[in-house]
Amino acid sequence: MRLSRQVVVSVAELARLKLSDEEVEQYREQLSDILDYFAHLQAVDTSMIPPTSGAQDLLIRLREDEPRAGLSRQDLMQNAPDTDDDQFRIPPVLD
């Protein structure tokens, strides 16, 4: 399936990407090749393969959920890049 330039430009606009003419042509070829490969994969007969929920059929072993002591406040604060009065200081997120 060959994509047109307009489709690539439209997708780039949706993704808010500014592409040069060379990049549009490069992505048009690459995306077309990817879609061709998916079409090739869809042609493979998988009717005899049972559906699976995972790659391995293993029992997941989880540890018991037991409460335990965490880090002390002093140990926790020594790893912080900036603190003030036993509190984390972070740079402002909004201007």
PDB file of N, CA and C in Angstrom:
ATOM      1  N   MET A   1       0.855  -1.175   0.000  1.00  0.00           N
ATOM      2  CA  MET A   1       0.000   0.000   0.000  1.00  0.00           C
ATOM      3  C   MET A   1       0.897   1.233   0.000  1.00  0.00           C
ATOM      4  N   ARG A   2       0.849   1.972  -1.062  1.00  0.00           N
ATOM      5  CA  ARG A   2       1.672   3.166  -1.181  1.00  0.00           C
ATOM      6  C   ARG A   2       0.889   4.364  -0.630  1.00  0.00           C
ATOM      7  N   LEU A   3       1.498   5.082   0.290  1.00  0.00           N
ATOM      8  CA  LEU A   3       0.875   6.271   0.858  1.00  0.00           C
ATOM      9  C   LEU A   3       1.163   7.481  -0.023  1.00  0.00           C
ATOM     10  N   SER A   4       0.229   8.384  -0.042  1.00  0.00           N
ATOM     11  CA  SER A   4       0.450   9.618  -0.797  1.00  0.00           C
ATOM     12  C   SER A   4       1.167  10.640   0.091  1.00  0.00           C
ATOM     13  N   ARG A   5       1.729  11.644  -0.557  1.00  0.00           N
ATOM     14  CA  ARG A   5       2.392  12.723   0.192  1.00  0.00           C
ATOM     15  C   ARG A   5       1.409  13.404   1.124  1.00  0.00           C
ATOM     16  N   GLN A   6       0.175  13.592   0.654  1.00  0.00           N
ATOM     17  CA  GLN A   6      -0.827  14.307   1.441  1.00  0.00           C
ATOM     18  C   GLN A   6      -1.154  13.561   2.729  1.00  0.00           C
ATOM     19  N   VAL A   7      -1.185  12.242   2.685  1.00  0.00           N
ATOM     20  CA  VAL A   7      -1.460  11.453   3.893  1.00  0.00           C
ATOM     21  C   VAL A   7      -0.339  11.658   4.909  1.00  0.00           C
ATOM     22  N   VAL A   8       0.904  11.621   4.459  1.00  0.00           N
ATOM     23  CA  VAL A   8       2.042  11.817   5.356  1.00  0.00           C
ATOM     24  C   VAL A   8       2.020  13.223   5.946  1.00  0.00           C
ATOM     25  N   VAL A   9       1.725  14.217   5.130  1.00  0.00           N
ATOM     26  CA  VAL A   9       1.644  15.593   5.605  1.00  0.00           C
ATOM     27  C   VAL A   9       0.520  15.732   6.627  1.00  0.00           C
ATOM     28  N   SER A  10      -0.624  15.103   6.384  1.00  0.00           N
ATOM     29  CA  SER A  10      -1.754  15.167   7.317  1.00  0.00           C
ATOM     30  C   SER A  10      -1.402  14.520   8.654  1.00  0.00           C
ATOM     31  N   VAL A  11      -0.743  13.365   8.617  1.00  0.00           N
ATOM     32  CA  VAL A  11      -0.340  12.694   9.850  1.00  0.00           C
ATOM     33  C   VAL A  11       0.683  13.541  10.597  1.00  0.00           C
ATOM     34  N   ALA A  12       1.603  14.152   9.874  1.00  0.00           N
ATOM     35  CA  ALA A  12       2.604  15.012  10.505  1.00  0.00           C
ATOM     36  C   ALA A  12       1.940  16.214  11.175  1.00  0.00           C
ATOM     37  N   GLU A  13       0.927  16.774  10.533  1.00  0.00           N
ATOM     38  CA  GLU A  13       0.201  17.901  11.132  1.00  0.00           C
ATOM     39  C   GLU A  13      -0.517  17.473  12.397  1.00  0.00           C
ATOM     40  N   LEU A  14      -1.127  16.289  12.385  1.00  0.00           N
ATOM     41  CA  LEU A  14      -1.804  15.788  13.577  1.00  0.00           C
ATOM     42  C   LEU A  14      -0.815  15.589  14.724  1.00  0.00           C
ATOM     43  N   ALA A  15       0.396  15.161  14.393  1.00  0.00           N
ATOM     44  CA  ALA A  15       1.436  14.943  15.399  1.00  0.00           C
ATOM     45  C   ALA A  15       2.196  16.231  15.697  1.00  0.00           C
ATOM     46  N   ARG A  16       1.797  17.327  15.058  1.00  0.00           N
ATOM     47  CA  ARG A  16       2.438  18.623  15.219  1.00  0.00           C
ATOM     48  C   ARG A  16       3.936  18.566  14.898  1.00  0.00           C
ATOM     49  N   LEU A  17       4.232  17.894  13.784  1.00  0.00           N
ATOM     50  CA  LEU A  17       5.604  17.792  13.297  1.00  0.00           C
ATOM     51  C   LEU A  17       5.762  18.673  12.065  1.00  0.00           C
ATOM     52  N   LYS A  18       6.877  19.358  11.985  1.00  0.00           N
ATOM     53  CA  LYS A  18       7.192  20.135  10.788  1.00  0.00           C
ATOM     54  C   LYS A  18       8.244  19.352  10.030  1.00  0.00           C
ATOM     55  N   LEU A  19       7.869  18.872   8.857  1.00  0.00           N
ATOM     56  CA  LEU A  19       8.772  18.050   8.056  1.00  0.00           C
ATOM     57  C   LEU A  19       9.178  18.785   6.791  1.00  0.00           C
ATOM     58  N   SER A  20      10.430  18.608   6.407  1.00  0.00           N
ATOM     59  CA  SER A  20      10.895  19.148   5.137  1.00  0.00           C
ATOM     60  C   SER A  20      10.366  18.253   4.012  1.00  0.00           C
ATOM     61  N   ASP A  21      10.514  18.716   2.783  1.00  0.00           N
ATOM     62  CA  ASP A  21      10.059  17.909   1.646  1.00  0.00           C
ATOM     63  C   ASP A  21      10.809  16.585   1.578  1.00  0.00           C
ATOM     64  N   GLU A  22      12.097  16.605   1.908  1.00  0.00           N
ATOM     65  CA  GLU A  22      12.881  15.367   1.891  1.00  0.00           C
ATOM     66  C   GLU A  22      12.394  14.398   2.968  1.00  0.00           C
ATOM     67  N   GLU A  23      12.065  14.931   4.150  1.00  0.00           N
ATOM     68  CA  GLU A  23      11.582  14.083   5.238  1.00  0.00           C
ATOM     69  C   GLU A  23      10.212  13.487   4.905  1.00  0.00           C
ATOM     70  N   VAL A  24       9.358  14.289   4.266  1.00  0.00           N
ATOM     71  CA  VAL A  24       8.034  13.769   3.876  1.00  0.00           C
ATOM     72  C   VAL A  24       8.211  12.590   2.929  1.00  0.00           C
ATOM     73  N   GLU A  25       9.090  12.723   1.968  1.00  0.00           N
ATOM     74  CA  GLU A  25       9.324  11.639   1.011  1.00  0.00           C
ATOM     75  C   GLU A  25       9.945  10.423   1.702  1.00  0.00           C
ATOM     76  N   GLN A  26      10.878  10.657   2.608  1.00  0.00           N
ATOM     77  CA  GLN A  26      11.521   9.558   3.339  1.00  0.00           C
ATOM     78  C   GLN A  26      10.489   8.801   4.177  1.00  0.00           C
ATOM     79  N   TYR A  27       9.662   9.533   4.922  1.00  0.00           N
ATOM     80  CA  TYR A  27       8.651   8.885   5.765  1.00  0.00           C
ATOM     81  C   TYR A  27       7.562   8.225   4.925  1.00  0.00           C
ATOM     82  N   ARG A  28       7.249   8.814   3.764  1.00  0.00           N
ATOM     83  CA  ARG A  28       6.247   8.204   2.888  1.00  0.00           C
ATOM     84  C   ARG A  28       6.714   6.826   2.459  1.00  0.00           C
ATOM     85  N   GLU A  29       7.984   6.713   2.082  1.00  0.00           N
ATOM     86  CA  GLU A  29       8.526   5.415   1.673  1.00  0.00           C
ATOM     87  C   GLU A  29       8.584   4.441   2.840  1.00  0.00           C
ATOM     88  N   GLN A  30       9.064   4.901   3.988  1.00  0.00           N
ATOM     89  CA  GLN A  30       9.199   4.016   5.147  1.00  0.00           C
ATOM     90  C   GLN A  30       7.841   3.533   5.647  1.00  0.00           C
ATOM     91  N   LEU A  31       6.888   4.447   5.766  1.00  0.00           N
ATOM     92  CA  LEU A  31       5.559   4.050   6.243  1.00  0.00           C
ATOM     93  C   LEU A  31       4.861   3.138   5.243  1.00  0.00           C
ATOM     94  N   SER A  32       5.055   3.378   3.970  1.00  0.00           N
ATOM     95  CA  SER A  32       4.478   2.499   2.948  1.00  0.00           C
ATOM     96  C   SER A  32       5.061   1.096   3.062  1.00  0.00           C
ATOM     97  N   ASP A  33       6.360   0.999   3.276  1.00  0.00           N
ATOM     98  CA  ASP A  33       7.001  -0.313   3.453  1.00  0.00           C
ATOM     99  C   ASP A  33       6.469  -1.029   4.687  1.00  0.00           C
ATOM    100  N   ILE A  34       6.251  -0.290   5.769  1.00  0.00           N
ATOM    101  CA  ILE A  34       5.713  -0.893   6.991  1.00  0.00           C
ATOM    102  C   ILE A  34       4.307  -1.426   6.741  1.00  0.00           C
ATOM    103  N   LEU A  35       3.468  -0.642   6.065  1.00  0.00           N
ATOM    104  CA  LEU A  35       2.101  -1.098   5.774  1.00  0.00           C
ATOM    105  C   LEU A  35       2.107  -2.304   4.838  1.00  0.00           C
ATOM    106  N   ASP A  36       3.033  -2.332   3.885  1.00  0.00           N
ATOM    107  CA  ASP A  36       3.159  -3.504   3.010  1.00  0.00           C
ATOM    108  C   ASP A  36       3.532  -4.741   3.805  1.00  0.00           C
ATOM    109  N   TYR A  37       4.414  -4.579   4.779  1.00  0.00           N
ATOM    110  CA  TYR A  37       4.820  -5.718   5.602  1.00  0.00           C
ATOM    111  C   TYR A  37       3.653  -6.225   6.445  1.00  0.00           C
ATOM    112  N   PHE A  38       2.846  -5.310   7.001  1.00  0.00           N
ATOM    113  CA  PHE A  38       1.665  -5.734   7.748  1.00  0.00           C
ATOM    114  C   PHE A  38       0.685  -6.492   6.850  1.00  0.00           C
ATOM    115  N   ALA A  39       0.529  -6.049   5.631  1.00  0.00           N
ATOM    116  CA  ALA A  39      -0.347  -6.755   4.691  1.00  0.00           C
ATOM    117  C   ALA A  39       0.195  -8.158   4.426  1.00  0.00           C
ATOM    118  N   HIS A  40       1.512  -8.271   4.327  1.00  0.00           N
ATOM    119  CA  HIS A  40       2.149  -9.576   4.137  1.00  0.00           C
ATOM    120  C   HIS A  40       1.887 -10.476   5.352  1.00  0.00           C
ATOM    121  N   LEU A  41       1.976  -9.922   6.555  1.00  0.00           N
ATOM    122  CA  LEU A  41       1.725 -10.703   7.773  1.00  0.00           C
ATOM    123  C   LEU A  41       0.269 -11.149   7.869  1.00  0.00           C
ATOM    124  N   GLN A  42      -0.652 -10.312   7.413  1.00  0.00           N
ATOM    125  CA  GLN A  42      -2.065 -10.663   7.470  1.00  0.00           C
ATOM    126  C   GLN A  42      -2.394 -11.816   6.533  1.00  0.00           C
ATOM    127  N   ALA A  43      -1.577 -12.030   5.524  1.00  0.00           N
ATOM    128  CA  ALA A  43      -1.815 -13.118   4.572  1.00  0.00           C
ATOM    129  C   ALA A  43      -1.394 -14.478   5.136  1.00  0.00           C
ATOM    130  N   VAL A  44      -0.652 -14.497   6.243  1.00  0.00           N
ATOM    131  CA  VAL A  44      -0.200 -15.749   6.837  1.00  0.00           C
ATOM    132  C   VAL A  44      -1.385 -16.465   7.488  1.00  0.00           C
ATOM    133  N   ASP A  45      -1.514 -17.772   7.205  1.00  0.00           N
ATOM    134  CA  ASP A  45      -2.604 -18.565   7.761  1.00  0.00           C
ATOM    135  C   ASP A  45      -2.272 -18.958   9.196  1.00  0.00           C
ATOM    136  N   THR A  46      -3.027 -18.422  10.143  1.00  0.00           N
ATOM    137  CA  THR A  46      -2.824 -18.734  11.558  1.00  0.00           C
ATOM    138  C   THR A  46      -4.009 -19.484  12.150  1.00  0.00           C
ATOM    139  N   SER A  47      -4.844 -20.070  11.290  1.00  0.00           N
ATOM    140  CA  SER A  47      -6.055 -20.741  11.778  1.00  0.00           C
ATOM    141  C   SER A  47      -5.747 -21.970  12.629  1.00  0.00           C
ATOM    142  N   MET A  48      -4.617 -22.595  12.430  1.00  0.00           N
ATOM    143  CA  MET A  48      -4.268 -23.798  13.187  1.00  0.00           C
ATOM    144  C   MET A  48      -3.469 -23.483  14.455  1.00  0.00           C
ATOM    145  N   ILE A  49      -3.197 -22.237  14.704  1.00  0.00           N
ATOM    146  CA  ILE A  49      -2.429 -21.841  15.880  1.00  0.00           C
ATOM    147  C   ILE A  49      -3.401 -21.372  16.960  1.00  0.00           C
ATOM    148  N   PRO A  50      -3.359 -22.012  18.142  1.00  0.00           N
ATOM    149  CA  PRO A  50      -4.304 -21.609  19.197  1.00  0.00           C
ATOM    150  C   PRO A  50      -3.936 -20.241  19.764  1.00  0.00           C
ATOM    151  N   PRO A  51      -4.945 -19.479  20.150  1.00  0.00           N
ATOM    152  CA  PRO A  51      -4.654 -18.176  20.758  1.00  0.00           C
ATOM    153  C   PRO A  51      -3.972 -18.378  22.117  1.00  0.00           C
ATOM    154  N   THR A  52      -3.075 -17.499  22.440  1.00  0.00           N
ATOM    155  CA  THR A  52      -2.374 -17.577  23.717  1.00  0.00           C
ATOM    156  C   THR A  52      -2.502 -16.248  24.438  1.00  0.00           C
ATOM    157  N   SER A  53      -2.428 -16.318  25.755  1.00  0.00           N
ATOM    158  CA  SER A  53      -2.490 -15.082  26.532  1.00  0.00           C
ATOM    159  C   SER A  53      -1.108 -14.584  26.891  1.00  0.00           C
ATOM    160  N   GLY A  54      -0.102 -15.398  26.683  1.00  0.00           N
ATOM    161  CA  GLY A  54       1.256 -14.992  26.991  1.00  0.00           C
ATOM    162  C   GLY A  54       2.241 -15.851  26.234  1.00  0.00           C
ATOM    163  N   ALA A  55       3.476 -15.436  26.223  1.00  0.00           N
ATOM    164  CA  ALA A  55       4.491 -16.178  25.489  1.00  0.00           C
ATOM    165  C   ALA A  55       4.878 -17.456  26.204  1.00  0.00           C
ATOM    166  N   GLN A  56       4.776 -17.458  27.517  1.00  0.00           N
ATOM    167  CA  GLN A  56       5.143 -18.640  28.283  1.00  0.00           C
ATOM    168  C   GLN A  56       3.973 -19.061  29.150  1.00  0.00           C
ATOM    169  N   ASP A  57       3.861 -20.353  29.336  1.00  0.00           N
ATOM    170  CA  ASP A  57       2.778 -20.890  30.135  1.00  0.00           C
ATOM    171  C   ASP A  57       3.306 -21.221  31.537  1.00  0.00           C
ATOM    172  N   LEU A  58       3.678 -20.190  32.283  1.00  0.00           N
ATOM    173  CA  LEU A  58       4.265 -20.372  33.598  1.00  0.00           C
ATOM    174  C   LEU A  58       3.347 -19.808  34.674  1.00  0.00           C
ATOM    175  N   LEU A  59       3.455 -20.391  35.852  1.00  0.00           N
ATOM    176  CA  LEU A  59       2.739 -19.870  37.003  1.00  0.00           C
ATOM    177  C   LEU A  59       3.534 -18.708  37.571  1.00  0.00           C
ATOM    178  N   ILE A  60       2.885 -17.590  37.775  1.00  0.00           N
ATOM    179  CA  ILE A  60       3.567 -16.425  38.312  1.00  0.00           C
ATOM    180  C   ILE A  60       3.659 -16.575  39.824  1.00  0.00           C
ATOM    181  N   ARG A  61       4.864 -16.512  40.329  1.00  0.00           N
ATOM    182  CA  ARG A  61       5.079 -16.646  41.765  1.00  0.00           C
ATOM    183  C   ARG A  61       5.319 -15.256  42.358  1.00  0.00           C
ATOM    184  N   LEU A  62       4.411 -14.843  43.216  1.00  0.00           N
ATOM    185  CA  LEU A  62       4.514 -13.549  43.860  1.00  0.00           C
ATOM    186  C   LEU A  62       4.908 -13.728  45.317  1.00  0.00           C
ATOM    187  N   ARG A  63       5.663 -12.815  45.851  1.00  0.00           N
ATOM    188  CA  ARG A  63       6.027 -12.898  47.257  1.00  0.00           C
ATOM    189  C   ARG A  63       4.835 -12.465  48.105  1.00  0.00           C
ATOM    190  N   GLU A  64       4.848 -12.865  49.351  1.00  0.00           N
ATOM    191  CA  GLU A  64       3.798 -12.453  50.274  1.00  0.00           C
ATOM    192  C   GLU A  64       3.892 -10.948  50.508  1.00  0.00           C
ATOM    193  N   ASP A  65       2.759 -10.326  50.665  1.00  0.00           N
ATOM    194  CA  ASP A  65       2.711  -8.897  50.911  1.00  0.00           C
ATOM    195  C   ASP A  65       2.778  -8.664  52.415  1.00  0.00           C
ATOM    196  N   GLU A  66       3.993  -8.515  52.905  1.00  0.00           N
ATOM    197  CA  GLU A  66       4.192  -8.341  54.340  1.00  0.00           C
ATOM    198  C   GLU A  66       4.713  -6.934  54.605  1.00  0.00           C
ATOM    199  N   PRO A  67       4.126  -6.237  55.575  1.00  0.00           N
ATOM    200  CA  PRO A  67       4.632  -4.892  55.887  1.00  0.00           C
ATOM    201  C   PRO A  67       6.031  -4.965  56.488  1.00  0.00           C
ATOM    202  N   ARG A  68       6.846  -3.994  56.157  1.00  0.00           N
ATOM    203  CA  ARG A  68       8.187  -3.921  56.724  1.00  0.00           C
ATOM    204  C   ARG A  68       8.589  -2.454  56.841  1.00  0.00           C
ATOM    205  N   ALA A  69       9.581  -2.213  57.628  1.00  0.00           N
ATOM    206  CA  ALA A  69      10.019  -0.840  57.879  1.00  0.00           C
ATOM    207  C   ALA A  69      10.617  -0.243  56.613  1.00  0.00           C
ATOM    208  N   GLY A  70      10.334   1.031  56.379  1.00  0.00           N
ATOM    209  CA  GLY A  70      10.896   1.728  55.233  1.00  0.00           C
ATOM    210  C   GLY A  70      12.153   2.476  55.624  1.00  0.00           C
ATOM    211  N   LEU A  71      12.558   3.406  54.784  1.00  0.00           N
ATOM    212  CA  LEU A  71      13.740   4.213  55.065  1.00  0.00           C
ATOM    213  C   LEU A  71      13.446   5.209  56.180  1.00  0.00           C
ATOM    214  N   SER A  72      14.462   5.517  56.934  1.00  0.00           N
ATOM    215  CA  SER A  72      14.307   6.569  57.935  1.00  0.00           C
ATOM    216  C   SER A  72      14.240   7.903  57.211  1.00  0.00           C
ATOM    217  N   ARG A  73      13.708   8.904  57.885  1.00  0.00           N
ATOM    218  CA  ARG A  73      13.584  10.224  57.259  1.00  0.00           C
ATOM    219  C   ARG A  73      14.965  10.771  56.884  1.00  0.00           C
ATOM    220  N   GLN A  74      15.949  10.543  57.735  1.00  0.00           N
ATOM    221  CA  GLN A  74      17.305  11.022  57.462  1.00  0.00           C
ATOM    222  C   GLN A  74      17.883  10.351  56.215  1.00  0.00           C
ATOM    223  N   ASP A  75      17.715   9.030  56.088  1.00  0.00           N
ATOM    224  CA  ASP A  75      18.211   8.325  54.913  1.00  0.00           C
ATOM    225  C   ASP A  75      17.501   8.784  53.649  1.00  0.00           C
ATOM    226  N   LEU A  76      16.225   9.038  53.769  1.00  0.00           N
ATOM    227  CA  LEU A  76      15.443   9.482  52.625  1.00  0.00           C
ATOM    228  C   LEU A  76      15.872  10.872  52.167  1.00  0.00           C
ATOM    229  N   MET A  77      16.053  11.774  53.094  1.00  0.00           N
ATOM    230  CA  MET A  77      16.398  13.151  52.757  1.00  0.00           C
ATOM    231  C   MET A  77      17.820  13.278  52.215  1.00  0.00           C
ATOM    232  N   GLN A  78      18.727  12.387  52.597  1.00  0.00           N
ATOM    233  CA  GLN A  78      20.101  12.522  52.121  1.00  0.00           C
ATOM    234  C   GLN A  78      20.221  12.233  50.624  1.00  0.00           C
ATOM    235  N   ASN A  79      19.244  11.547  50.034  1.00  0.00           N
ATOM    236  CA  ASN A  79      19.268  11.255  48.604  1.00  0.00           C
ATOM    237  C   ASN A  79      18.590  12.334  47.767  1.00  0.00           C
ATOM    238  N   ALA A  80      17.903  13.261  48.417  1.00  0.00           N
ATOM    239  CA  ALA A  80      17.186  14.307  47.692  1.00  0.00           C
ATOM    240  C   ALA A  80      18.153  15.390  47.227  1.00  0.00           C
ATOM    241  N   PRO A  81      17.966  15.921  46.008  1.00  0.00           N
ATOM    242  CA  PRO A  81      18.863  16.972  45.530  1.00  0.00           C
ATOM    243  C   PRO A  81      18.687  18.291  46.294  1.00  0.00           C
ATOM    244  N   ASP A  82      17.483  18.560  46.819  1.00  0.00           N
ATOM    245  CA  ASP A  82      17.245  19.808  47.534  1.00  0.00           C
ATOM    246  C   ASP A  82      16.156  19.580  48.569  1.00  0.00           C
ATOM    247  N   THR A  83      16.422  19.967  49.817  1.00  0.00           N
ATOM    248  CA  THR A  83      15.439  19.807  50.891  1.00  0.00           C
ATOM    249  C   THR A  83      15.355  21.090  51.689  1.00  0.00           C
ATOM    250  N   ASP A  84      14.266  21.226  52.440  1.00  0.00           N
ATOM    251  CA  ASP A  84      14.083  22.365  53.325  1.00  0.00           C
ATOM    252  C   ASP A  84      13.187  21.915  54.462  1.00  0.00           C
ATOM    253  N   ASP A  85      13.720  21.926  55.678  1.00  0.00           N
ATOM    254  CA  ASP A  85      12.942  21.584  56.868  1.00  0.00           C
ATOM    255  C   ASP A  85      12.287  20.205  56.729  1.00  0.00           C
ATOM    256  N   ASP A  86      13.095  19.198  56.373  1.00  0.00           N
ATOM    257  CA  ASP A  86      12.643  17.802  56.209  1.00  0.00           C
ATOM    258  C   ASP A  86      11.543  17.652  55.156  1.00  0.00           C
ATOM    259  N   GLN A  87      11.587  18.488  54.128  1.00  0.00           N
ATOM    260  CA  GLN A  87      10.653  18.374  53.011  1.00  0.00           C
ATOM    261  C   GLN A  87      11.448  18.465  51.719  1.00  0.00           C
ATOM    262  N   PHE A  88      10.935  17.777  50.689  1.00  0.00           N
ATOM    263  CA  PHE A  88      11.565  17.859  49.374  1.00  0.00           C
ATOM    264  C   PHE A  88      11.269  19.220  48.762  1.00  0.00           C
ATOM    265  N   ARG A  89      12.272  19.832  48.145  1.00  0.00           N
ATOM    266  CA  ARG A  89      12.075  21.058  47.379  1.00  0.00           C
ATOM    267  C   ARG A  89      12.178  20.686  45.910  1.00  0.00           C
ATOM    268  N   ILE A  90      11.200  21.110  45.167  1.00  0.00           N
ATOM    269  CA  ILE A  90      11.209  20.835  43.732  1.00  0.00           C
ATOM    270  C   ILE A  90      11.076  22.163  42.986  1.00  0.00           C
ATOM    271  N   PRO A  91      11.624  22.223  41.771  1.00  0.00           N
ATOM    272  CA  PRO A  91      11.465  23.454  41.008  1.00  0.00           C
ATOM    273  C   PRO A  91      10.008  23.631  40.591  1.00  0.00           C
ATOM    274  N   PRO A  92       9.577  24.883  40.411  1.00  0.00           N
ATOM    275  CA  PRO A  92       8.188  25.095  39.988  1.00  0.00           C
ATOM    276  C   PRO A  92       7.914  24.463  38.624  1.00  0.00           C
ATOM    277  N   VAL A  93       6.723  23.916  38.489  1.00  0.00           N
ATOM    278  CA  VAL A  93       6.330  23.263  37.253  1.00  0.00           C
ATOM    279  C   VAL A  93       5.699  24.268  36.295  1.00  0.00           C
ATOM    280  N   LEU A  94       4.948  25.203  36.832  1.00  0.00           N
ATOM    281  CA  LEU A  94       4.267  26.202  36.015  1.00  0.00           C
ATOM    282  C   LEU A  94       4.912  27.557  36.231  1.00  0.00           C
ATOM    283  N   ASP A  95       4.890  28.377  35.186  1.00  0.00           N
ATOM    284  CA  ASP A  95       5.439  29.735  35.302  1.00  0.00           C
ATOM    285  C   ASP A  95       4.431  30.650  35.916  1.00  0.00           C
TER     286      ASP A  95
END
